[in-house]
Amino acid sequence: MQILIRRQPVVMTTVLVCVGFFSALALIYTKHESRKLFIELEQLTSERDELNIEWGQLQIEQSTWATHARIEKVALEELSLARPATSEIFVIERQ
């Protein structure tokens, strides 16, 4: 009985040391994963910002290419199209 009483503190100490060790390892692992995920988040945020800038530039470019003056200029100069005379325009009414 006395041997069990003497061993009990040693066993408890060993168990507590093991639990503390594994707890420290888990803390290190989660901290490392957290830092990796934060770095990935920052990279994705940077990529999103770059894509938003590019999207804005593309919208400006589209609005420039789609102006009525530009379309008319291309139709006249590159496609050799001309406006029809008033007598050539017919209005069809839907009933």
PDB file of N, CA and C in Angstrom:
ATOM      1  N   MET A   1       0.819  -1.185   0.000  1.00  0.00           N
ATOM      2  CA  MET A   1       0.000   0.000   0.000  1.00  0.00           C
ATOM      3  C   MET A   1       0.870   1.258   0.000  1.00  0.00           C
ATOM      4  N   GLN A   2       1.936   1.206   0.750  1.00  0.00           N
ATOM      5  CA  GLN A   2       2.824   2.353   0.831  1.00  0.00           C
ATOM      6  C   GLN A   2       3.518   2.617  -0.507  1.00  0.00           C
ATOM      7  N   ILE A   3       3.785   1.589  -1.260  1.00  0.00           N
ATOM      8  CA  ILE A   3       4.426   1.740  -2.573  1.00  0.00           C
ATOM      9  C   ILE A   3       3.474   2.470  -3.531  1.00  0.00           C
ATOM     10  N   LEU A   4       2.183   2.132  -3.478  1.00  0.00           N
ATOM     11  CA  LEU A   4       1.202   2.799  -4.320  1.00  0.00           C
ATOM     12  C   LEU A   4       1.086   4.287  -3.979  1.00  0.00           C
ATOM     13  N   ILE A   5       1.135   4.601  -2.702  1.00  0.00           N
ATOM     14  CA  ILE A   5       1.028   5.991  -2.268  1.00  0.00           C
ATOM     15  C   ILE A   5       2.254   6.773  -2.733  1.00  0.00           C
ATOM     16  N   ARG A   6       3.433   6.163  -2.683  1.00  0.00           N
ATOM     17  CA  ARG A   6       4.648   6.841  -3.139  1.00  0.00           C
ATOM     18  C   ARG A   6       4.655   7.013  -4.653  1.00  0.00           C
ATOM     19  N   ARG A   7       4.100   6.064  -5.397  1.00  0.00           N
ATOM     20  CA  ARG A   7       4.107   6.139  -6.859  1.00  0.00           C
ATOM     21  C   ARG A   7       3.043   7.095  -7.401  1.00  0.00           C
ATOM     22  N   GLN A   8       2.018   7.331  -6.632  1.00  0.00           N
ATOM     23  CA  GLN A   8       0.923   8.167  -7.118  1.00  0.00           C
ATOM     24  C   GLN A   8       1.391   9.576  -7.511  1.00  0.00           C
ATOM     25  N   PRO A   9       2.190  10.279  -6.737  1.00  0.00           N
ATOM     26  CA  PRO A   9       2.661  11.604  -7.167  1.00  0.00           C
ATOM     27  C   PRO A   9       3.544  11.540  -8.418  1.00  0.00           C
ATOM     28  N   VAL A  10       4.320  10.488  -8.554  1.00  0.00           N
ATOM     29  CA  VAL A  10       5.189  10.340  -9.715  1.00  0.00           C
ATOM     30  C   VAL A  10       4.339  10.135 -10.974  1.00  0.00           C
ATOM     31  N   VAL A  11       3.321   9.294 -10.866  1.00  0.00           N
ATOM     32  CA  VAL A  11       2.444   9.034 -11.995  1.00  0.00           C
ATOM     33  C   VAL A  11       1.678  10.307 -12.365  1.00  0.00           C
ATOM     34  N   MET A  12       1.155  10.997 -11.395  1.00  0.00           N
ATOM     35  CA  MET A  12       0.413  12.242 -11.651  1.00  0.00           C
ATOM     36  C   MET A  12       1.323  13.295 -12.280  1.00  0.00           C
ATOM     37  N   THR A  13       2.535  13.400 -11.793  1.00  0.00           N
ATOM     38  CA  THR A  13       3.493  14.358 -12.345  1.00  0.00           C
ATOM     39  C   THR A  13       3.801  14.011 -13.798  1.00  0.00           C
ATOM     40  N   THR A  14       4.015  12.734 -14.074  1.00  0.00           N
ATOM     41  CA  THR A  14       4.301  12.283 -15.434  1.00  0.00           C
ATOM     42  C   THR A  14       3.122  12.588 -16.362  1.00  0.00           C
ATOM     43  N   VAL A  15       1.926  12.309 -15.891  1.00  0.00           N
ATOM     44  CA  VAL A  15       0.731  12.580 -16.691  1.00  0.00           C
ATOM     45  C   VAL A  15       0.598  14.079 -16.959  1.00  0.00           C
ATOM     46  N   LEU A  16       0.788  14.884 -15.949  1.00  0.00           N
ATOM     47  CA  LEU A  16       0.688  16.343 -16.118  1.00  0.00           C
ATOM     48  C   LEU A  16       1.761  16.872 -17.065  1.00  0.00           C
ATOM     49  N   VAL A  17       2.957  16.347 -16.997  1.00  0.00           N
ATOM     50  CA  VAL A  17       4.031  16.763 -17.900  1.00  0.00           C
ATOM     51  C   VAL A  17       3.667  16.394 -19.340  1.00  0.00           C
ATOM     52  N   CYS A  18       3.158  15.174 -19.542  1.00  0.00           N
ATOM     53  CA  CYS A  18       2.747  14.743 -20.888  1.00  0.00           C
ATOM     54  C   CYS A  18       1.616  15.615 -21.424  1.00  0.00           C
ATOM     55  N   VAL A  19       0.623  15.878 -20.595  1.00  0.00           N
ATOM     56  CA  VAL A  19      -0.493  16.729 -21.017  1.00  0.00           C
ATOM     57  C   VAL A  19       0.017  18.130 -21.352  1.00  0.00           C
ATOM     58  N   GLY A  20       0.889  18.679 -20.552  1.00  0.00           N
ATOM     59  CA  GLY A  20       1.465  19.998 -20.821  1.00  0.00           C
ATOM     60  C   GLY A  20       2.270  20.012 -22.111  1.00  0.00           C
ATOM     61  N   PHE A  21       3.048  18.955 -22.343  1.00  0.00           N
ATOM     62  CA  PHE A  21       3.859  18.858 -23.548  1.00  0.00           C
ATOM     63  C   PHE A  21       2.975  18.814 -24.793  1.00  0.00           C
ATOM     64  N   PHE A  22       1.964  17.953 -24.781  1.00  0.00           N
ATOM     65  CA  PHE A  22       1.082  17.848 -25.938  1.00  0.00           C
ATOM     66  C   PHE A  22       0.238  19.106 -26.135  1.00  0.00           C
ATOM     67  N   SER A  23      -0.102  19.750 -25.052  1.00  0.00           N
ATOM     68  CA  SER A  23      -0.828  21.012 -25.144  1.00  0.00           C
ATOM     69  C   SER A  23       0.046  22.081 -25.803  1.00  0.00           C
ATOM     70  N   ALA A  24       1.324  22.117 -25.436  1.00  0.00           N
ATOM     71  CA  ALA A  24       2.255  23.071 -26.037  1.00  0.00           C
ATOM     72  C   ALA A  24       2.431  22.778 -27.532  1.00  0.00           C
ATOM     73  N   LEU A  25       2.528  21.502 -27.897  1.00  0.00           N
ATOM     74  CA  LEU A  25       2.642  21.137 -29.304  1.00  0.00           C
ATOM     75  C   LEU A  25       1.393  21.557 -30.083  1.00  0.00           C
ATOM     76  N   ALA A  26       0.231  21.343 -29.496  1.00  0.00           N
ATOM     77  CA  ALA A  26      -1.013  21.736 -30.158  1.00  0.00           C
ATOM     78  C   ALA A  26      -1.068  23.254 -30.335  1.00  0.00           C
ATOM     79  N   LEU A  27      -0.617  23.983 -29.345  1.00  0.00           N
ATOM     80  CA  LEU A  27      -0.597  25.444 -29.425  1.00  0.00           C
ATOM     81  C   LEU A  27       0.341  25.911 -30.546  1.00  0.00           C
ATOM     82  N   ILE A  28       1.515  25.310 -30.626  1.00  0.00           N
ATOM     83  CA  ILE A  28       2.477  25.665 -31.667  1.00  0.00           C
ATOM     84  C   ILE A  28       1.888  25.359 -33.045  1.00  0.00           C
ATOM     85  N   TYR A  29       1.273  24.212 -33.195  1.00  0.00           N
ATOM     86  CA  TYR A  29       0.685  23.814 -34.471  1.00  0.00           C
ATOM     87  C   TYR A  29      -0.421  24.776 -34.889  1.00  0.00           C
ATOM     88  N   THR A  30      -1.330  25.104 -33.967  1.00  0.00           N
ATOM     89  CA  THR A  30      -2.427  26.005 -34.317  1.00  0.00           C
ATOM     90  C   THR A  30      -1.925  27.411 -34.626  1.00  0.00           C
ATOM     91  N   LYS A  31      -0.914  27.865 -33.924  1.00  0.00           N
ATOM     92  CA  LYS A  31      -0.340  29.184 -34.200  1.00  0.00           C
ATOM     93  C   LYS A  31       0.295  29.203 -35.587  1.00  0.00           C
ATOM     94  N   HIS A  32       0.994  28.129 -35.935  1.00  0.00           N
ATOM     95  CA  HIS A  32       1.615  28.027 -37.254  1.00  0.00           C
ATOM     96  C   HIS A  32       0.550  28.013 -38.355  1.00  0.00           C
ATOM     97  N   GLU A  33      -0.496  27.236 -38.176  1.00  0.00           N
ATOM     98  CA  GLU A  33      -1.585  27.182 -39.155  1.00  0.00           C
ATOM     99  C   GLU A  33      -2.274  28.535 -39.277  1.00  0.00           C
ATOM    100  N   SER A  34      -2.442  29.198 -38.161  1.00  0.00           N
ATOM    101  CA  SER A  34      -3.065  30.522 -38.168  1.00  0.00           C
ATOM    102  C   SER A  34      -2.232  31.501 -38.986  1.00  0.00           C
ATOM    103  N   ARG A  35      -0.922  31.466 -38.818  1.00  0.00           N
ATOM    104  CA  ARG A  35      -0.044  32.365 -39.568  1.00  0.00           C
ATOM    105  C   ARG A  35      -0.074  32.031 -41.056  1.00  0.00           C
ATOM    106  N   LYS A  36      -0.079  30.747 -41.399  1.00  0.00           N
ATOM    107  CA  LYS A  36      -0.154  30.353 -42.802  1.00  0.00           C
ATOM    108  C   LYS A  36      -1.449  30.844 -43.437  1.00  0.00           C
ATOM    109  N   LEU A  37      -2.564  30.678 -42.729  1.00  0.00           N
ATOM    110  CA  LEU A  37      -3.855  31.116 -43.254  1.00  0.00           C
ATOM    111  C   LEU A  37      -3.927  32.631 -43.373  1.00  0.00           C
ATOM    112  N   PHE A  38      -3.296  33.343 -42.442  1.00  0.00           N
ATOM    113  CA  PHE A  38      -3.282  34.804 -42.514  1.00  0.00           C
ATOM    114  C   PHE A  38      -2.489  35.269 -43.728  1.00  0.00           C
ATOM    115  N   ILE A  39      -1.360  34.628 -43.995  1.00  0.00           N
ATOM    116  CA  ILE A  39      -0.556  34.974 -45.171  1.00  0.00           C
ATOM    117  C   ILE A  39      -1.356  34.712 -46.439  1.00  0.00           C
ATOM    118  N   GLU A  40      -2.061  33.579 -46.486  1.00  0.00           N
ATOM    119  CA  GLU A  40      -2.890  33.266 -47.648  1.00  0.00           C
ATOM    120  C   GLU A  40      -4.009  34.291 -47.811  1.00  0.00           C
ATOM    121  N   LEU A  41      -4.618  34.689 -46.702  1.00  0.00           N
ATOM    122  CA  LEU A  41      -5.669  35.704 -46.743  1.00  0.00           C
ATOM    123  C   LEU A  41      -5.137  37.017 -47.305  1.00  0.00           C
ATOM    124  N   GLU A  42      -3.958  37.436 -46.870  1.00  0.00           N
ATOM    125  CA  GLU A  42      -3.369  38.677 -47.361  1.00  0.00           C
ATOM    126  C   GLU A  42      -3.074  38.591 -48.861  1.00  0.00           C
ATOM    127  N   GLN A  43      -2.584  37.436 -49.320  1.00  0.00           N
ATOM    128  CA  GLN A  43      -2.313  37.261 -50.746  1.00  0.00           C
ATOM    129  C   GLN A  43      -3.604  37.324 -51.553  1.00  0.00           C
ATOM    130  N   LEU A  44      -4.642  36.668 -51.057  1.00  0.00           N
ATOM    131  CA  LEU A  44      -5.926  36.680 -51.768  1.00  0.00           C
ATOM    132  C   LEU A  44      -6.554  38.072 -51.765  1.00  0.00           C
ATOM    133  N   THR A  45      -6.384  38.790 -50.675  1.00  0.00           N
ATOM    134  CA  THR A  45      -6.898  40.163 -50.610  1.00  0.00           C
ATOM    135  C   THR A  45      -6.176  41.047 -51.621  1.00  0.00           C
ATOM    136  N   SER A  46      -4.872  40.878 -51.721  1.00  0.00           N
ATOM    137  CA  SER A  46      -4.087  41.634 -52.695  1.00  0.00           C
ATOM    138  C   SER A  46      -4.511  41.286 -54.119  1.00  0.00           C
ATOM    139  N   GLU A  47      -4.718  40.002 -54.380  1.00  0.00           N
ATOM    140  CA  GLU A  47      -5.160  39.572 -55.710  1.00  0.00           C
ATOM    141  C   GLU A  47      -6.547  40.136 -56.026  1.00  0.00           C
ATOM    142  N   ARG A  48      -7.439  40.137 -55.024  1.00  0.00           N
ATOM    143  CA  ARG A  48      -8.778  40.706 -55.233  1.00  0.00           C
ATOM    144  C   ARG A  48      -8.695  42.187 -55.578  1.00  0.00           C
ATOM    145  N   ASP A  49      -7.829  42.917 -54.880  1.00  0.00           N
ATOM    146  CA  ASP A  49      -7.678  44.349 -55.155  1.00  0.00           C
ATOM    147  C   ASP A  49      -7.156  44.585 -56.568  1.00  0.00           C
ATOM    148  N   GLU A  50      -6.181  43.776 -56.993  1.00  0.00           N
ATOM    149  CA  GLU A  50      -5.652  43.906 -58.350  1.00  0.00           C
ATOM    150  C   GLU A  50      -6.733  43.606 -59.392  1.00  0.00           C
ATOM    151  N   LEU A  51      -7.547  42.580 -59.125  1.00  0.00           N
ATOM    152  CA  LEU A  51      -8.623  42.241 -60.054  1.00  0.00           C
ATOM    153  C   LEU A  51      -9.685  43.330 -60.107  1.00  0.00           C
ATOM    154  N   ASN A  52      -9.963  43.953 -58.974  1.00  0.00           N
ATOM    155  CA  ASN A  52     -10.927  45.070 -58.962  1.00  0.00           C
ATOM    156  C   ASN A  52     -10.408  46.248 -59.785  1.00  0.00           C
ATOM    157  N   ILE A  53      -9.113  46.514 -59.685  1.00  0.00           N
ATOM    158  CA  ILE A  53      -8.522  47.592 -60.486  1.00  0.00           C
ATOM    159  C   ILE A  53      -8.630  47.260 -61.964  1.00  0.00           C
ATOM    160  N   GLU A  54      -8.277  46.017 -62.316  1.00  0.00           N
ATOM    161  CA  GLU A  54      -8.368  45.601 -63.713  1.00  0.00           C
ATOM    162  C   GLU A  54      -9.809  45.662 -64.220  1.00  0.00           C
ATOM    163  N   TRP A  55     -10.762  45.267 -63.384  1.00  0.00           N
ATOM    164  CA  TRP A  55     -12.176  45.319 -63.759  1.00  0.00           C
ATOM    165  C   TRP A  55     -12.608  46.757 -64.051  1.00  0.00           C
ATOM    166  N   GLY A  56     -12.182  47.683 -63.207  1.00  0.00           N
ATOM    167  CA  GLY A  56     -12.500  49.094 -63.431  1.00  0.00           C
ATOM    168  C   GLY A  56     -11.916  49.599 -64.734  1.00  0.00           C
ATOM    169  N   GLN A  57     -10.675  49.204 -65.017  1.00  0.00           N
ATOM    170  CA  GLN A  57     -10.043  49.617 -66.265  1.00  0.00           C
ATOM    171  C   GLN A  57     -10.781  49.036 -67.471  1.00  0.00           C
ATOM    172  N   LEU A  58     -11.212  47.793 -67.361  1.00  0.00           N
ATOM    173  CA  LEU A  58     -11.952  47.171 -68.463  1.00  0.00           C
ATOM    174  C   LEU A  58     -13.306  47.840 -68.675  1.00  0.00           C
ATOM    175  N   GLN A  59     -13.956  48.245 -67.604  1.00  0.00           N
ATOM    176  CA  GLN A  59     -15.232  48.942 -67.742  1.00  0.00           C
ATOM    177  C   GLN A  59     -15.045  50.286 -68.449  1.00  0.00           C
ATOM    178  N   ILE A  60     -13.970  50.992 -68.083  1.00  0.00           N
ATOM    179  CA  ILE A  60     -13.681  52.269 -68.753  1.00  0.00           C
ATOM    180  C   ILE A  60     -13.398  52.027 -70.231  1.00  0.00           C
ATOM    181  N   GLU A  61     -12.600  50.999 -70.518  1.00  0.00           N
ATOM    182  CA  GLU A  61     -12.281  50.679 -71.910  1.00  0.00           C
ATOM    183  C   GLU A  61     -13.541  50.308 -72.699  1.00  0.00           C
ATOM    184  N   GLN A  62     -14.422  49.519 -72.074  1.00  0.00           N
ATOM    185  CA  GLN A  62     -15.665  49.138 -72.754  1.00  0.00           C
ATOM    186  C   GLN A  62     -16.520  50.359 -73.042  1.00  0.00           C
ATOM    187  N   SER A  63     -16.639  51.251 -72.079  1.00  0.00           N
ATOM    188  CA  SER A  63     -17.460  52.443 -72.311  1.00  0.00           C
ATOM    189  C   SER A  63     -16.850  53.317 -73.397  1.00  0.00           C
ATOM    190  N   THR A  64     -15.527  53.330 -73.500  1.00  0.00           N
ATOM    191  CA  THR A  64     -14.874  54.102 -74.557  1.00  0.00           C
ATOM    192  C   THR A  64     -15.156  53.492 -75.928  1.00  0.00           C
ATOM    193  N   TRP A  65     -15.058  52.183 -76.027  1.00  0.00           N
ATOM    194  CA  TRP A  65     -15.276  51.503 -77.308  1.00  0.00           C
ATOM    195  C   TRP A  65     -16.740  51.527 -77.730  1.00  0.00           C
ATOM    196  N   ALA A  66     -17.644  51.672 -76.785  1.00  0.00           N
ATOM    197  CA  ALA A  66     -19.072  51.575 -77.090  1.00  0.00           C
ATOM    198  C   ALA A  66     -19.757  52.924 -77.261  1.00  0.00           C
ATOM    199  N   THR A  67     -19.008  54.004 -77.318  1.00  0.00           N
ATOM    200  CA  THR A  67     -19.653  55.309 -77.499  1.00  0.00           C
ATOM    201  C   THR A  67     -20.251  55.396 -78.901  1.00  0.00           C
ATOM    202  N   HIS A  68     -21.330  56.163 -79.033  1.00  0.00           N
ATOM    203  CA  HIS A  68     -22.015  56.303 -80.317  1.00  0.00           C
ATOM    204  C   HIS A  68     -21.097  56.919 -81.371  1.00  0.00           C
ATOM    205  N   ALA A  69     -20.290  57.875 -80.960  1.00  0.00           N
ATOM    206  CA  ALA A  69     -19.385  58.524 -81.912  1.00  0.00           C
ATOM    207  C   ALA A  69     -18.373  57.520 -82.464  1.00  0.00           C
ATOM    208  N   ARG A  70     -17.858  56.673 -81.625  1.00  0.00           N
ATOM    209  CA  ARG A  70     -16.879  55.666 -82.065  1.00  0.00           C
ATOM    210  C   ARG A  70     -17.531  54.657 -83.006  1.00  0.00           C
ATOM    211  N   ILE A  71     -18.729  54.202 -82.661  1.00  0.00           N
ATOM    212  CA  ILE A  71     -19.428  53.229 -83.502  1.00  0.00           C
ATOM    213  C   ILE A  71     -19.726  53.845 -84.870  1.00  0.00           C
ATOM    214  N   GLU A  72     -20.154  55.090 -84.880  1.00  0.00           N
ATOM    215  CA  GLU A  72     -20.449  55.756 -86.150  1.00  0.00           C
ATOM    216  C   GLU A  72     -19.175  55.934 -86.973  1.00  0.00           C
ATOM    217  N   LYS A  73     -18.087  56.286 -86.329  1.00  0.00           N
ATOM    218  CA  LYS A  73     -16.817  56.467 -87.029  1.00  0.00           C
ATOM    219  C   LYS A  73     -16.367  55.147 -87.666  1.00  0.00           C
ATOM    220  N   VAL A  74     -16.446  54.051 -86.933  1.00  0.00           N
ATOM    221  CA  VAL A  74     -16.060  52.740 -87.466  1.00  0.00           C
ATOM    222  C   VAL A  74     -16.979  52.353 -88.619  1.00  0.00           C
ATOM    223  N   ALA A  75     -18.279  52.611 -88.468  1.00  0.00           N
ATOM    224  CA  ALA A  75     -19.235  52.269 -89.529  1.00  0.00           C
ATOM    225  C   ALA A  75     -18.930  53.050 -90.807  1.00  0.00           C
ATOM    226  N   LEU A  76     -18.599  54.312 -90.683  1.00  0.00           N
ATOM    227  CA  LEU A  76     -18.324  55.137 -91.857  1.00  0.00           C
ATOM    228  C   LEU A  76     -16.969  54.829 -92.476  1.00  0.00           C
ATOM    229  N   GLU A  77     -15.925  54.775 -91.657  1.00  0.00           N
ATOM    230  CA  GLU A  77     -14.571  54.662 -92.178  1.00  0.00           C
ATOM    231  C   GLU A  77     -14.165  53.227 -92.509  1.00  0.00           C
ATOM    232  N   GLU A  78     -14.407  52.302 -91.624  1.00  0.00           N
ATOM    233  CA  GLU A  78     -13.910  50.939 -91.823  1.00  0.00           C
ATOM    234  C   GLU A  78     -14.900  50.043 -92.569  1.00  0.00           C
ATOM    235  N   LEU A  79     -16.185  50.269 -92.369  1.00  0.00           N
ATOM    236  CA  LEU A  79     -17.189  49.407 -92.999  1.00  0.00           C
ATOM    237  C   LEU A  79     -17.851  50.061 -94.212  1.00  0.00           C
ATOM    238  N   SER A  80     -17.500  51.308 -94.461  1.00  0.00           N
ATOM    239  CA  SER A  80     -18.051  52.072 -95.585  1.00  0.00           C
ATOM    240  C   SER A  80     -19.578  52.086 -95.586  1.00  0.00           C
ATOM    241  N   LEU A  81     -20.148  52.226 -94.419  1.00  0.00           N
ATOM    242  CA  LEU A  81     -21.604  52.326 -94.305  1.00  0.00           C
ATOM    243  C   LEU A  81     -21.997  53.794 -94.337  1.00  0.00           C
ATOM    244  N   ALA A  82     -23.226  54.077 -94.728  1.00  0.00           N
ATOM    245  CA  ALA A  82     -23.713  55.459 -94.766  1.00  0.00           C
ATOM    246  C   ALA A  82     -25.116  55.495 -94.171  1.00  0.00           C
ATOM    247  N   ARG A  83     -25.473  56.658 -93.675  1.00  0.00           N
ATOM    248  CA  ARG A  83     -26.830  56.812 -93.139  1.00  0.00           C
ATOM    249  C   ARG A  83     -27.826  56.748 -94.293  1.00  0.00           C
ATOM    250  N   PRO A  84     -28.943  56.072 -94.096  1.00  0.00           N
ATOM    251  CA  PRO A  84     -29.947  56.041 -95.157  1.00  0.00           C
ATOM    252  C   PRO A  84     -30.649  57.394 -95.259  1.00  0.00           C
ATOM    253  N   ALA A  85     -31.120  57.692 -96.439  1.00  0.00           N
ATOM    254  CA  ALA A  85     -31.873  58.931 -96.639  1.00  0.00           C
ATOM    255  C   ALA A  85     -33.223  58.791 -95.946  1.00  0.00           C
ATOM    256  N   THR A  86     -33.832  59.900 -95.653  1.00  0.00           N
ATOM    257  CA  THR A  86     -35.117  59.891 -94.964  1.00  0.00           C
ATOM    258  C   THR A  86     -36.168  59.133 -95.753  1.00  0.00           C
ATOM    259  N   SER A  87     -36.097  59.200 -97.069  1.00  0.00           N
ATOM    260  CA  SER A  87     -37.076  58.494 -97.896  1.00  0.00           C
ATOM    261  C   SER A  87     -36.874  56.981 -97.874  1.00  0.00           C
ATOM    262  N   GLU A  88     -35.704  56.524 -97.424  1.00  0.00           N
ATOM    263  CA  GLU A  88     -35.420  55.088 -97.379  1.00  0.00           C
ATOM    264  C   GLU A  88     -35.789  54.466 -96.039  1.00  0.00           C
ATOM    265  N   ILE A  89     -36.217  55.261 -95.107  1.00  0.00           N
ATOM    266  CA  ILE A  89     -36.546  54.752 -93.773  1.00  0.00           C
ATOM    267  C   ILE A  89     -38.041  54.494 -93.707  1.00  0.00           C
ATOM    268  N   PHE A  90     -38.416  53.289 -93.314  1.00  0.00           N
ATOM    269  CA  PHE A  90     -39.829  52.905 -93.189  1.00  0.00           C
ATOM    270  C   PHE A  90     -40.101  52.547 -91.733  1.00  0.00           C
ATOM    271  N   VAL A  91     -41.198  53.021 -91.208  1.00  0.00           N
ATOM    272  CA  VAL A  91     -41.605  52.718 -89.835  1.00  0.00           C
ATOM    273  C   VAL A  91     -42.697  51.664 -89.900  1.00  0.00           C
ATOM    274  N   ILE A  92     -42.465  50.566 -89.264  1.00  0.00           N
ATOM    275  CA  ILE A  92     -43.444  49.473 -89.244  1.00  0.00           C
ATOM    276  C   ILE A  92     -44.079  49.460 -87.856  1.00  0.00           C
ATOM    277  N   GLU A  93     -45.374  49.573 -87.826  1.00  0.00           N
ATOM    278  CA  GLU A  93     -46.083  49.569 -86.554  1.00  0.00           C
ATOM    279  C   GLU A  93     -46.611  48.195 -86.250  1.00  0.00           C
ATOM    280  N   ARG A  94     -46.490  47.792 -85.061  1.00  0.00           N
ATOM    281  CA  ARG A  94     -46.981  46.502 -84.610  1.00  0.00           C
ATOM    282  C   ARG A  94     -48.402  46.682 -84.058  1.00  0.00           C
ATOM    283  N   GLN A  95     -49.289  45.789 -84.411  1.00  0.00           N
ATOM    284  CA  GLN A  95     -50.664  45.902 -83.919  1.00  0.00           C
ATOM    285  C   GLN A  95     -50.940  44.952 -82.811  1.00  0.00           C
TER     286      GLN A  95
END
